[in-house]
Amino acid sequence: MPVGEDPNRATIMEILKELNRSEESAANSTENGLEAAEIEERLVEFWAIREGRVQVTEMIGMLRANRMIEFDDAQRYSWVRKRNLNGVYRITMDGKEYLRTNLENRERIF
């Protein structure tokens, strides 16, 4: 665990980073976003998750409640994933602003 790092905040930032990456690399709106299982898979080695300090599903719920991410439950076929999606989470403008602000503040501190 990084010294002084809050596991909840750190996990929130990691989820937002992953969803932002998904948006940046998406070829189209169908490919933009990640299923809950994909988020969990990408964070499996993240220190707060690996140490059992935070549950990804709880952080996803908190991010949704604060409108930093949204859930699109439309059933679509993903040509990239070669399967039907069971709904995806996407970063919102509020989530992008939170991510940007926190990354800028962190860079100033160090």
PDB file of N, CA and C in Angstrom:
ATOM      1  N   MET A   1       0.847  -1.188   0.000  1.00  0.00           N
ATOM      2  CA  MET A   1       0.000   0.000   0.000  1.00  0.00           C
ATOM      3  C   MET A   1       0.885   1.242   0.000  1.00  0.00           C
ATOM      4  N   PRO A   2       0.626   2.148  -0.909  1.00  0.00           N
ATOM      5  CA  PRO A   2       1.357   3.413  -0.885  1.00  0.00           C
ATOM      6  C   PRO A   2       1.088   4.159   0.421  1.00  0.00           C
ATOM      7  N   VAL A   3       2.111   4.729   0.969  1.00  0.00           N
ATOM      8  CA  VAL A   3       2.018   5.416   2.258  1.00  0.00           C
ATOM      9  C   VAL A   3       1.006   6.551   2.186  1.00  0.00           C
ATOM     10  N   GLY A   4       0.069   6.542   3.134  1.00  0.00           N
ATOM     11  CA  GLY A   4      -0.915   7.609   3.240  1.00  0.00           C
ATOM     12  C   GLY A   4      -2.020   7.592   2.198  1.00  0.00           C
ATOM     13  N   GLU A   5      -2.061   6.606   1.352  1.00  0.00           N
ATOM     14  CA  GLU A   5      -3.053   6.547   0.280  1.00  0.00           C
ATOM     15  C   GLU A   5      -4.345   5.922   0.800  1.00  0.00           C
ATOM     16  N   ASP A   6      -5.472   6.574   0.553  1.00  0.00           N
ATOM     17  CA  ASP A   6      -6.780   6.055   0.924  1.00  0.00           C
ATOM     18  C   ASP A   6      -7.191   5.008  -0.109  1.00  0.00           C
ATOM     19  N   PRO A   7      -7.454   3.753   0.301  1.00  0.00           N
ATOM     20  CA  PRO A   7      -7.785   2.704  -0.663  1.00  0.00           C
ATOM     21  C   PRO A   7      -9.063   2.980  -1.457  1.00  0.00           C
ATOM     22  N   ASN A   8     -10.054   3.612  -0.837  1.00  0.00           N
ATOM     23  CA  ASN A   8     -11.296   3.930  -1.559  1.00  0.00           C
ATOM     24  C   ASN A   8     -11.036   4.949  -2.657  1.00  0.00           C
ATOM     25  N   ARG A   9     -10.379   6.029  -2.306  1.00  0.00           N
ATOM     26  CA  ARG A   9     -10.079   7.076  -3.285  1.00  0.00           C
ATOM     27  C   ARG A   9      -9.193   6.539  -4.397  1.00  0.00           C
ATOM     28  N   ALA A  10      -8.190   5.757  -4.034  1.00  0.00           N
ATOM     29  CA  ALA A  10      -7.280   5.197  -5.028  1.00  0.00           C
ATOM     30  C   ALA A  10      -8.015   4.286  -6.006  1.00  0.00           C
ATOM     31  N   THR A  11      -8.952   3.500  -5.491  1.00  0.00           N
ATOM     32  CA  THR A  11      -9.722   2.598  -6.355  1.00  0.00           C
ATOM     33  C   THR A  11     -10.658   3.384  -7.266  1.00  0.00           C
ATOM     34  N   ILE A  12     -11.272   4.419  -6.725  1.00  0.00           N
ATOM     35  CA  ILE A  12     -12.123   5.292  -7.541  1.00  0.00           C
ATOM     36  C   ILE A  12     -11.320   5.852  -8.712  1.00  0.00           C
ATOM     37  N   MET A  13     -10.138   6.328  -8.424  1.00  0.00           N
ATOM     38  CA  MET A  13      -9.289   6.894  -9.480  1.00  0.00           C
ATOM     39  C   MET A  13      -8.935   5.833 -10.519  1.00  0.00           C
ATOM     40  N   GLU A  14      -8.645   4.629 -10.087  1.00  0.00           N
ATOM     41  CA  GLU A  14      -8.287   3.559 -11.029  1.00  0.00           C
ATOM     42  C   GLU A  14      -9.458   3.181 -11.923  1.00  0.00           C
ATOM     43  N   ILE A  15     -10.646   3.106 -11.352  1.00  0.00           N
ATOM     44  CA  ILE A  15     -11.835   2.795 -12.163  1.00  0.00           C
ATOM     45  C   ILE A  15     -12.059   3.890 -13.194  1.00  0.00           C
ATOM     46  N   LEU A  16     -11.979   5.142 -12.761  1.00  0.00           N
ATOM     47  CA  LEU A  16     -12.172   6.258 -13.693  1.00  0.00           C
ATOM     48  C   LEU A  16     -11.100   6.256 -14.786  1.00  0.00           C
ATOM     49  N   LYS A  17      -9.862   5.950 -14.431  1.00  0.00           N
ATOM     50  CA  LYS A  17      -8.792   5.870 -15.438  1.00  0.00           C
ATOM     51  C   LYS A  17      -9.094   4.793 -16.471  1.00  0.00           C
ATOM     52  N   GLU A  18      -9.532   3.631 -16.008  1.00  0.00           N
ATOM     53  CA  GLU A  18      -9.837   2.533 -16.932  1.00  0.00           C
ATOM     54  C   GLU A  18     -10.995   2.892 -17.862  1.00  0.00           C
ATOM     55  N   LEU A  19     -12.030   3.522 -17.326  1.00  0.00           N
ATOM     56  CA  LEU A  19     -13.159   3.915 -18.163  1.00  0.00           C
ATOM     57  C   LEU A  19     -12.762   5.026 -19.135  1.00  0.00           C
ATOM     58  N   ASN A  20     -11.895   5.914 -18.715  1.00  0.00           N
ATOM     59  CA  ASN A  20     -11.408   6.964 -19.603  1.00  0.00           C
ATOM     60  C   ASN A  20     -10.577   6.355 -20.727  1.00  0.00           C
ATOM     61  N   ARG A  21      -9.723   5.391 -20.404  1.00  0.00           N
ATOM     62  CA  ARG A  21      -8.939   4.698 -21.437  1.00  0.00           C
ATOM     63  C   ARG A  21      -9.848   3.992 -22.437  1.00  0.00           C
ATOM     64  N   SER A  22     -10.904   3.373 -21.909  1.00  0.00           N
ATOM     65  CA  SER A  22     -11.852   2.684 -22.774  1.00  0.00           C
ATOM     66  C   SER A  22     -12.467   3.652 -23.775  1.00  0.00           C
ATOM     67  N   GLU A  23     -12.842   4.820 -23.292  1.00  0.00           N
ATOM     68  CA  GLU A  23     -13.438   5.823 -24.181  1.00  0.00           C
ATOM     69  C   GLU A  23     -12.433   6.309 -25.221  1.00  0.00           C
ATOM     70  N   GLU A  24     -11.209   6.550 -24.776  1.00  0.00           N
ATOM     71  CA  GLU A  24     -10.190   7.058 -25.698  1.00  0.00           C
ATOM     72  C   GLU A  24      -9.834   6.055 -26.784  1.00  0.00           C
ATOM     73  N   SER A  25      -9.900   4.769 -26.477  1.00  0.00           N
ATOM     74  CA  SER A  25      -9.499   3.757 -27.454  1.00  0.00           C
ATOM     75  C   SER A  25     -10.673   3.179 -28.244  1.00  0.00           C
ATOM     76  N   ALA A  26     -11.899   3.567 -27.906  1.00  0.00           N
ATOM     77  CA  ALA A  26     -13.082   3.003 -28.559  1.00  0.00           C
ATOM     78  C   ALA A  26     -13.189   3.448 -30.007  1.00  0.00           C
ATOM     79  N   ALA A  27     -13.455   2.501 -30.865  1.00  0.00           N
ATOM     80  CA  ALA A  27     -13.645   2.801 -32.281  1.00  0.00           C
ATOM     81  C   ALA A  27     -15.034   3.364 -32.546  1.00  0.00           C
ATOM     82  N   ASN A  28     -15.982   3.025 -31.676  1.00  0.00           N
ATOM     83  CA  ASN A  28     -17.352   3.500 -31.839  1.00  0.00           C
ATOM     84  C   ASN A  28     -18.068   3.439 -30.494  1.00  0.00           C
ATOM     85  N   SER A  29     -19.328   3.856 -30.455  1.00  0.00           N
ATOM     86  CA  SER A  29     -20.053   3.925 -29.187  1.00  0.00           C
ATOM     87  C   SER A  29     -20.292   2.548 -28.571  1.00  0.00           C
ATOM     88  N   THR A  30     -20.402   1.509 -29.379  1.00  0.00           N
ATOM     89  CA  THR A  30     -20.593   0.165 -28.837  1.00  0.00           C
ATOM     90  C   THR A  30     -19.374  -0.277 -28.046  1.00  0.00           C
ATOM     91  N   GLU A  31     -18.192   0.063 -28.521  1.00  0.00           N
ATOM     92  CA  GLU A  31     -16.951  -0.372 -27.860  1.00  0.00           C
ATOM     93  C   GLU A  31     -16.558   0.526 -26.690  1.00  0.00           C
ATOM     94  N   ASN A  32     -17.205   1.667 -26.553  1.00  0.00           N
ATOM     95  CA  ASN A  32     -16.914   2.584 -25.452  1.00  0.00           C
ATOM     96  C   ASN A  32     -17.555   2.061 -24.175  1.00  0.00           C
ATOM     97  N   GLY A  33     -16.744   1.776 -23.191  1.00  0.00           N
ATOM     98  CA  GLY A  33     -17.244   1.336 -21.900  1.00  0.00           C
ATOM     99  C   GLY A  33     -16.753  -0.056 -21.552  1.00  0.00           C
ATOM    100  N   LEU A  34     -16.934  -0.404 -20.288  1.00  0.00           N
ATOM    101  CA  LEU A  34     -16.500  -1.703 -19.783  1.00  0.00           C
ATOM    102  C   LEU A  34     -17.613  -2.346 -18.975  1.00  0.00           C
ATOM    103  N   GLU A  35     -17.756  -3.651 -19.118  1.00  0.00           N
ATOM    104  CA  GLU A  35     -18.663  -4.408 -18.265  1.00  0.00           C
ATOM    105  C   GLU A  35     -18.061  -4.476 -16.866  1.00  0.00           C
ATOM    106  N   ALA A  36     -18.888  -4.735 -15.868  1.00  0.00           N
ATOM    107  CA  ALA A  36     -18.404  -4.834 -14.485  1.00  0.00           C
ATOM    108  C   ALA A  36     -17.292  -5.878 -14.368  1.00  0.00           C
ATOM    109  N   ALA A  37     -17.466  -7.015 -15.014  1.00  0.00           N
ATOM    110  CA  ALA A  37     -16.448  -8.072 -14.952  1.00  0.00           C
ATOM    111  C   ALA A  37     -15.128  -7.618 -15.572  1.00  0.00           C
ATOM    112  N   GLU A  38     -15.210  -6.799 -16.617  1.00  0.00           N
ATOM    113  CA  GLU A  38     -13.989  -6.287 -17.249  1.00  0.00           C
ATOM    114  C   GLU A  38     -13.265  -5.312 -16.317  1.00  0.00           C
ATOM    115  N   ILE A  39     -14.019  -4.484 -15.618  1.00  0.00           N
ATOM    116  CA  ILE A  39     -13.406  -3.564 -14.652  1.00  0.00           C
ATOM    117  C   ILE A  39     -12.714  -4.361 -13.561  1.00  0.00           C
ATOM    118  N   GLU A  40     -13.412  -5.360 -13.015  1.00  0.00           N
ATOM    119  CA  GLU A  40     -12.819  -6.185 -11.959  1.00  0.00           C
ATOM    120  C   GLU A  40     -11.556  -6.884 -12.454  1.00  0.00           C
ATOM    121  N   GLU A  41     -11.589  -7.387 -13.670  1.00  0.00           N
ATOM    122  CA  GLU A  41     -10.432  -8.076 -14.239  1.00  0.00           C
ATOM    123  C   GLU A  41      -9.240  -7.129 -14.384  1.00  0.00           C
ATOM    124  N   ARG A  42      -9.490  -5.913 -14.814  1.00  0.00           N
ATOM    125  CA  ARG A  42      -8.398  -4.947 -14.997  1.00  0.00           C
ATOM    126  C   ARG A  42      -7.797  -4.487 -13.670  1.00  0.00           C
ATOM    127  N   LEU A  43      -8.587  -4.560 -12.598  1.00  0.00           N
ATOM    128  CA  LEU A  43      -8.110  -4.090 -11.296  1.00  0.00           C
ATOM    129  C   LEU A  43      -7.669  -5.210 -10.364  1.00  0.00           C
ATOM    130  N   VAL A  44      -7.651  -6.440 -10.834  1.00  0.00           N
ATOM    131  CA  VAL A  44      -7.353  -7.579  -9.969  1.00  0.00           C
ATOM    132  C   VAL A  44      -5.991  -7.452  -9.278  1.00  0.00           C
ATOM    133  N   GLU A  45      -5.022  -6.825  -9.908  1.00  0.00           N
ATOM    134  CA  GLU A  45      -3.694  -6.667  -9.316  1.00  0.00           C
ATOM    135  C   GLU A  45      -3.484  -5.311  -8.647  1.00  0.00           C
ATOM    136  N   PHE A  46      -4.500  -4.463  -8.672  1.00  0.00           N
ATOM    137  CA  PHE A  46      -4.391  -3.157  -8.017  1.00  0.00           C
ATOM    138  C   PHE A  46      -4.302  -3.379  -6.515  1.00  0.00           C
ATOM    139  N   TRP A  47      -3.407  -2.700  -5.837  1.00  0.00           N
ATOM    140  CA  TRP A  47      -3.075  -2.992  -4.444  1.00  0.00           C
ATOM    141  C   TRP A  47      -4.283  -3.021  -3.500  1.00  0.00           C
ATOM    142  N   ALA A  48      -5.202  -2.089  -3.633  1.00  0.00           N
ATOM    143  CA  ALA A  48      -6.347  -2.034  -2.718  1.00  0.00           C
ATOM    144  C   ALA A  48      -7.291  -3.220  -2.919  1.00  0.00           C
ATOM    145  N   ILE A  49      -7.391  -3.687  -4.134  1.00  0.00           N
ATOM    146  CA  ILE A  49      -8.232  -4.847  -4.443  1.00  0.00           C
ATOM    147  C   ILE A  49      -7.504  -6.124  -4.017  1.00  0.00           C
ATOM    148  N   ARG A  50      -6.249  -6.219  -4.396  1.00  0.00           N
ATOM    149  CA  ARG A  50      -5.441  -7.405  -4.068  1.00  0.00           C
ATOM    150  C   ARG A  50      -5.379  -7.639  -2.555  1.00  0.00           C
ATOM    151  N   GLU A  51      -5.288  -6.569  -1.786  1.00  0.00           N
ATOM    152  CA  GLU A  51      -5.212  -6.671  -0.324  1.00  0.00           C
ATOM    153  C   GLU A  51      -6.592  -6.832   0.326  1.00  0.00           C
ATOM    154  N   GLY A  52      -7.657  -6.801  -0.469  1.00  0.00           N
ATOM    155  CA  GLY A  52      -9.004  -6.987   0.059  1.00  0.00           C
ATOM    156  C   GLY A  52      -9.555  -5.792   0.812  1.00  0.00           C
ATOM    157  N   ARG A  53      -8.996  -4.615   0.593  1.00  0.00           N
ATOM    158  CA  ARG A  53      -9.446  -3.415   1.309  1.00  0.00           C
ATOM    159  C   ARG A  53     -10.690  -2.792   0.702  1.00  0.00           C
ATOM    160  N   VAL A  54     -10.921  -3.064  -0.585  1.00  0.00           N
ATOM    161  CA  VAL A  54     -12.026  -2.428  -1.306  1.00  0.00           C
ATOM    162  C   VAL A  54     -12.679  -3.450  -2.219  1.00  0.00           C
ATOM    163  N   GLN A  55     -13.996  -3.346  -2.374  1.00  0.00           N
ATOM    164  CA  GLN A  55     -14.747  -4.168  -3.315  1.00  0.00           C
ATOM    165  C   GLN A  55     -15.078  -3.304  -4.532  1.00  0.00           C
ATOM    166  N   VAL A  56     -14.729  -3.787  -5.703  1.00  0.00           N
ATOM    167  CA  VAL A  56     -14.967  -3.036  -6.938  1.00  0.00           C
ATOM    168  C   VAL A  56     -16.451  -2.719  -7.104  1.00  0.00           C
ATOM    169  N   THR A  57     -17.315  -3.672  -6.822  1.00  0.00           N
ATOM    170  CA  THR A  57     -18.753  -3.434  -7.014  1.00  0.00           C
ATOM    171  C   THR A  57     -19.265  -2.300  -6.134  1.00  0.00           C
ATOM    172  N   GLU A  58     -18.740  -2.176  -4.927  1.00  0.00           N
ATOM    173  CA  GLU A  58     -19.138  -1.067  -4.050  1.00  0.00           C
ATOM    174  C   GLU A  58     -18.683   0.275  -4.621  1.00  0.00           C
ATOM    175  N   MET A  59     -17.486   0.314  -5.154  1.00  0.00           N
ATOM    176  CA  MET A  59     -16.962   1.563  -5.726  1.00  0.00           C
ATOM    177  C   MET A  59     -17.731   1.934  -6.990  1.00  0.00           C
ATOM    178  N   ILE A  60     -18.096   0.943  -7.788  1.00  0.00           N
ATOM    179  CA  ILE A  60     -18.914   1.213  -8.978  1.00  0.00           C
ATOM    180  C   ILE A  60     -20.249   1.820  -8.551  1.00  0.00           C
ATOM    181  N   GLY A  61     -20.869   1.249  -7.530  1.00  0.00           N
ATOM    182  CA  GLY A  61     -22.140   1.791  -7.027  1.00  0.00           C
ATOM    183  C   GLY A  61     -22.007   3.220  -6.541  1.00  0.00           C
ATOM    184  N   MET A  62     -20.919   3.502  -5.823  1.00  0.00           N
ATOM    185  CA  MET A  62     -20.693   4.855  -5.321  1.00  0.00           C
ATOM    186  C   MET A  62     -20.469   5.832  -6.482  1.00  0.00           C
ATOM    187  N   LEU A  63     -19.705   5.412  -7.477  1.00  0.00           N
ATOM    188  CA  LEU A  63     -19.460   6.277  -8.638  1.00  0.00           C
ATOM    189  C   LEU A  63     -20.759   6.553  -9.402  1.00  0.00           C
ATOM    190  N   ARG A  64     -21.607   5.548  -9.524  1.00  0.00           N
ATOM    191  CA  ARG A  64     -22.908   5.752 -10.182  1.00  0.00           C
ATOM    192  C   ARG A  64     -23.781   6.704  -9.383  1.00  0.00           C
ATOM    193  N   ALA A  65     -23.808   6.522  -8.066  1.00  0.00           N
ATOM    194  CA  ALA A  65     -24.635   7.380  -7.208  1.00  0.00           C
ATOM    195  C   ALA A  65     -24.193   8.840  -7.303  1.00  0.00           C
ATOM    196  N   ASN A  66     -22.910   9.055  -7.549  1.00  0.00           N
ATOM    197  CA  ASN A  66     -22.379  10.418  -7.659  1.00  0.00           C
ATOM    198  C   ASN A  66     -22.267  10.893  -9.110  1.00  0.00           C
ATOM    199  N   ARG A  67     -22.876  10.157 -10.014  1.00  0.00           N
ATOM    200  CA  ARG A  67     -22.946  10.505 -11.442  1.00  0.00           C
ATOM    201  C   ARG A  67     -21.574  10.688 -12.097  1.00  0.00           C
ATOM    202  N   MET A  68     -20.579   9.968 -11.608  1.00  0.00           N
ATOM    203  CA  MET A  68     -19.261  10.014 -12.247  1.00  0.00           C
ATOM    204  C   MET A  68     -19.134   8.952 -13.331  1.00  0.00           C
ATOM    205  N   ILE A  69     -20.004   7.939 -13.244  1.00  0.00           N
ATOM    206  CA  ILE A  69     -20.109   6.945 -14.300  1.00  0.00           C
ATOM    207  C   ILE A  69     -21.582   6.688 -14.556  1.00  0.00           C
ATOM    208  N   GLU A  70     -21.870   6.145 -15.726  1.00  0.00           N
ATOM    209  CA  GLU A  70     -23.238   5.786 -16.076  1.00  0.00           C
ATOM    210  C   GLU A  70     -23.251   4.356 -16.584  1.00  0.00           C
ATOM    211  N   PHE A  71     -24.418   3.736 -16.529  1.00  0.00           N
ATOM    212  CA  PHE A  71     -24.564   2.366 -16.993  1.00  0.00           C
ATOM    213  C   PHE A  71     -25.477   2.338 -18.197  1.00  0.00           C
ATOM    214  N   ASP A  72     -25.008   1.746 -19.267  1.00  0.00           N
ATOM    215  CA  ASP A  72     -25.799   1.560 -20.484  1.00  0.00           C
ATOM    216  C   ASP A  72     -26.140   0.077 -20.548  1.00  0.00           C
ATOM    217  N   ASP A  73     -27.404  -0.249 -20.303  1.00  0.00           N
ATOM    218  CA  ASP A  73     -27.803  -1.653 -20.248  1.00  0.00           C
ATOM    219  C   ASP A  73     -28.256  -2.220 -21.588  1.00  0.00           C
ATOM    220  N   ALA A  74     -28.056  -1.487 -22.657  1.00  0.00           N
ATOM    221  CA  ALA A  74     -28.432  -1.976 -23.983  1.00  0.00           C
ATOM    222  C   ALA A  74     -27.605  -3.216 -24.333  1.00  0.00           C
ATOM    223  N   GLN A  75     -28.282  -4.215 -24.839  1.00  0.00           N
ATOM    224  CA  GLN A  75     -27.621  -5.450 -25.260  1.00  0.00           C
ATOM    225  C   GLN A  75     -27.119  -5.254 -26.703  1.00  0.00           C
ATOM    226  N   ARG A  76     -25.809  -5.195 -26.834  1.00  0.00           N
ATOM    227  CA  ARG A  76     -25.209  -4.983 -28.157  1.00  0.00           C
ATOM    228  C   ARG A  76     -24.132  -6.019 -28.420  1.00  0.00           C
ATOM    229  N   TYR A  77     -23.917  -6.277 -29.689  1.00  0.00           N
ATOM    230  CA  TYR A  77     -22.829  -7.181 -30.065  1.00  0.00           C
ATOM    231  C   TYR A  77     -21.561  -6.369 -30.252  1.00  0.00           C
ATOM    232  N   SER A  78     -20.487  -6.812 -29.620  1.00  0.00           N
ATOM    233  CA  SER A  78     -19.189  -6.167 -29.762  1.00  0.00           C
ATOM    234  C   SER A  78     -18.347  -6.964 -30.742  1.00  0.00           C
ATOM    235  N   TRP A  79     -17.990  -6.337 -31.841  1.00  0.00           N
ATOM    236  CA  TRP A  79     -17.137  -7.015 -32.822  1.00  0.00           C
ATOM    237  C   TRP A  79     -15.723  -7.163 -32.292  1.00  0.00           C
ATOM    238  N   VAL A  80     -15.278  -6.245 -31.468  1.00  0.00           N
ATOM    239  CA  VAL A  80     -13.936  -6.319 -30.889  1.00  0.00           C
ATOM    240  C   VAL A  80     -13.855  -7.476 -29.888  1.00  0.00           C
ATOM    241  N   ARG A  81     -14.880  -7.585 -29.036  1.00  0.00           N
ATOM    242  CA  ARG A  81     -14.877  -8.637 -28.012  1.00  0.00           C
ATOM    243  C   ARG A  81     -15.406  -9.960 -28.548  1.00  0.00           C
ATOM    244  N   LYS A  82     -16.077  -9.898 -29.696  1.00  0.00           N
ATOM    245  CA  LYS A  82     -16.666 -11.061 -30.356  1.00  0.00           C
ATOM    246  C   LYS A  82     -17.726 -11.755 -29.489  1.00  0.00           C
ATOM    247  N   ARG A  83     -18.569 -10.929 -28.857  1.00  0.00           N
ATOM    248  CA  ARG A  83     -19.645 -11.468 -28.029  1.00  0.00           C
ATOM    249  C   ARG A  83     -20.654 -10.359 -27.732  1.00  0.00           C
ATOM    250  N   ASN A  84     -21.801 -10.773 -27.206  1.00  0.00           N
ATOM    251  CA  ASN A  84     -22.807  -9.806 -26.763  1.00  0.00           C
ATOM    252  C   ASN A  84     -22.379  -9.200 -25.439  1.00  0.00           C
ATOM    253  N   LEU A  85     -22.585  -7.907 -25.308  1.00  0.00           N
ATOM    254  CA  LEU A  85     -22.278  -7.209 -24.059  1.00  0.00           C
ATOM    255  C   LEU A  85     -23.506  -7.226 -23.159  1.00  0.00           C
ATOM    256  N   ASN A  86     -23.263  -7.322 -21.872  1.00  0.00           N
ATOM    257  CA  ASN A  86     -24.349  -7.318 -20.886  1.00  0.00           C
ATOM    258  C   ASN A  86     -24.496  -5.949 -20.244  1.00  0.00           C
ATOM    259  N   GLY A  87     -24.260  -4.926 -20.999  1.00  0.00           N
ATOM    260  CA  GLY A  87     -24.315  -3.569 -20.478  1.00  0.00           C
ATOM    261  C   GLY A  87     -22.933  -3.119 -20.061  1.00  0.00           C
ATOM    262  N   VAL A  88     -22.657  -1.843 -20.267  1.00  0.00           N
ATOM    263  CA  VAL A  88     -21.325  -1.312 -19.963  1.00  0.00           C
ATOM    264  C   VAL A  88     -21.420  -0.045 -19.117  1.00  0.00           C
ATOM    265  N   TYR A  89     -20.359   0.185 -18.368  1.00  0.00           N
ATOM    266  CA  TYR A  89     -20.197   1.421 -17.608  1.00  0.00           C
ATOM    267  C   TYR A  89     -19.337   2.367 -18.431  1.00  0.00           C
ATOM    268  N   ARG A  90     -19.694   3.642 -18.380  1.00  0.00           N
ATOM    269  CA  ARG A  90     -18.940   4.680 -19.084  1.00  0.00           C
ATOM    270  C   ARG A  90     -18.682   5.837 -18.134  1.00  0.00           C
ATOM    271  N   ILE A  91     -17.575   6.503 -18.351  1.00  0.00           N
ATOM    272  CA  ILE A  91     -17.257   7.694 -17.576  1.00  0.00           C
ATOM    273  C   ILE A  91     -18.124   8.846 -18.070  1.00  0.00           C
ATOM    274  N   THR A  92     -18.565   9.683 -17.151  1.00  0.00           N
ATOM    275  CA  THR A  92     -19.366  10.860 -17.503  1.00  0.00           C
ATOM    276  C   THR A  92     -18.465  12.100 -17.471  1.00  0.00           C
ATOM    277  N   MET A  93     -19.033  13.227 -17.835  1.00  0.00           N
ATOM    278  CA  MET A  93     -18.273  14.486 -17.766  1.00  0.00           C
ATOM    279  C   MET A  93     -17.884  14.791 -16.322  1.00  0.00           C
ATOM    280  N   ASP A  94     -18.769  14.507 -15.367  1.00  0.00           N
ATOM    281  CA  ASP A  94     -18.429  14.715 -13.952  1.00  0.00           C
ATOM    282  C   ASP A  94     -17.252  13.828 -13.544  1.00  0.00           C
ATOM    283  N   GLY A  95     -17.252  12.587 -14.022  1.00  0.00           N
ATOM    284  CA  GLY A  95     -16.152  11.682 -13.723  1.00  0.00           C
ATOM    285  C   GLY A  95     -14.848  12.152 -14.335  1.00  0.00           C
ATOM    286  N   LYS A  96     -14.921  12.655 -15.559  1.00  0.00           N
ATOM    287  CA  LYS A  96     -13.721  13.184 -16.218  1.00  0.00           C
ATOM    288  C   LYS A  96     -13.166  14.385 -15.458  1.00  0.00           C
ATOM    289  N   GLU A  97     -14.063  15.251 -15.014  1.00  0.00           N
ATOM    290  CA  GLU A  97     -13.633  16.433 -14.269  1.00  0.00           C
ATOM    291  C   GLU A  97     -12.978  16.033 -12.948  1.00  0.00           C
ATOM    292  N   TYR A  98     -13.566  15.077 -12.251  1.00  0.00           N
ATOM    293  CA  TYR A  98     -13.001  14.597 -10.992  1.00  0.00           C
ATOM    294  C   TYR A  98     -11.616  13.982 -11.235  1.00  0.00           C
ATOM    295  N   LEU A  99     -11.504  13.178 -12.258  1.00  0.00           N
ATOM    296  CA  LEU A  99     -10.234  12.537 -12.603  1.00  0.00           C
ATOM    297  C   LEU A  99      -9.185  13.590 -12.951  1.00  0.00           C
ATOM    298  N   ARG A 100      -9.542  14.516 -13.817  1.00  0.00           N
ATOM    299  CA  ARG A 100      -8.599  15.558 -14.236  1.00  0.00           C
ATOM    300  C   ARG A 100      -8.134  16.398 -13.047  1.00  0.00           C
ATOM    301  N   THR A 101      -9.071  16.847 -12.245  1.00  0.00           N
ATOM    302  CA  THR A 101      -8.737  17.687 -11.088  1.00  0.00           C
ATOM    303  C   THR A 101      -7.815  16.961 -10.118  1.00  0.00           C
ATOM    304  N   ASN A 102      -8.129  15.710  -9.825  1.00  0.00           N
ATOM    305  CA  ASN A 102      -7.317  14.956  -8.879  1.00  0.00           C
ATOM    306  C   ASN A 102      -5.939  14.626  -9.429  1.00  0.00           C
ATOM    307  N   LEU A 103      -5.842  14.358 -10.710  1.00  0.00           N
ATOM    308  CA  LEU A 103      -4.528  14.099 -11.307  1.00  0.00           C
ATOM    309  C   LEU A 103      -3.683  15.366 -11.308  1.00  0.00           C
ATOM    310  N   GLU A 104      -4.303  16.503 -11.598  1.00  0.00           N
ATOM    311  CA  GLU A 104      -3.572  17.769 -11.579  1.00  0.00           C
ATOM    312  C   GLU A 104      -3.090  18.095 -10.163  1.00  0.00           C
ATOM    313  N   ASN A 105      -3.954  17.913  -9.168  1.00  0.00           N
ATOM    314  CA  ASN A 105      -3.576  18.187  -7.779  1.00  0.00           C
ATOM    315  C   ASN A 105      -2.463  17.267  -7.308  1.00  0.00           C
ATOM    316  N   ARG A 106      -2.526  16.022  -7.703  1.00  0.00           N
ATOM    317  CA  ARG A 106      -1.494  15.073  -7.295  1.00  0.00           C
ATOM    318  C   ARG A 106      -0.144  15.447  -7.905  1.00  0.00           C
ATOM    319  N   GLU A 107      -0.147  15.875  -9.158  1.00  0.00           N
ATOM    320  CA  GLU A 107       1.098  16.266  -9.816  1.00  0.00           C
ATOM    321  C   GLU A 107       1.706  17.486  -9.139  1.00  0.00           C
ATOM    322  N   ARG A 108       0.879  18.401  -8.651  1.00  0.00           N
ATOM    323  CA  ARG A 108       1.401  19.585  -7.963  1.00  0.00           C
ATOM    324  C   ARG A 108       2.019  19.238  -6.616  1.00  0.00           C
ATOM    325  N   ILE A 109       1.445  18.253  -5.939  1.00  0.00           N
ATOM    326  CA  ILE A 109       1.928  17.888  -4.603  1.00  0.00           C
ATOM    327  C   ILE A 109       3.308  17.258  -4.671  1.00  0.00           C
ATOM    328  N   PHE A 110       3.533  16.402  -5.645  1.00  0.00           N
ATOM    329  CA  PHE A 110       4.817  15.701  -5.717  1.00  0.00           C
ATOM    330  C   PHE A 110       5.783  16.543  -6.444  1.00  0.00           C
TER     331      PHE A 110
END
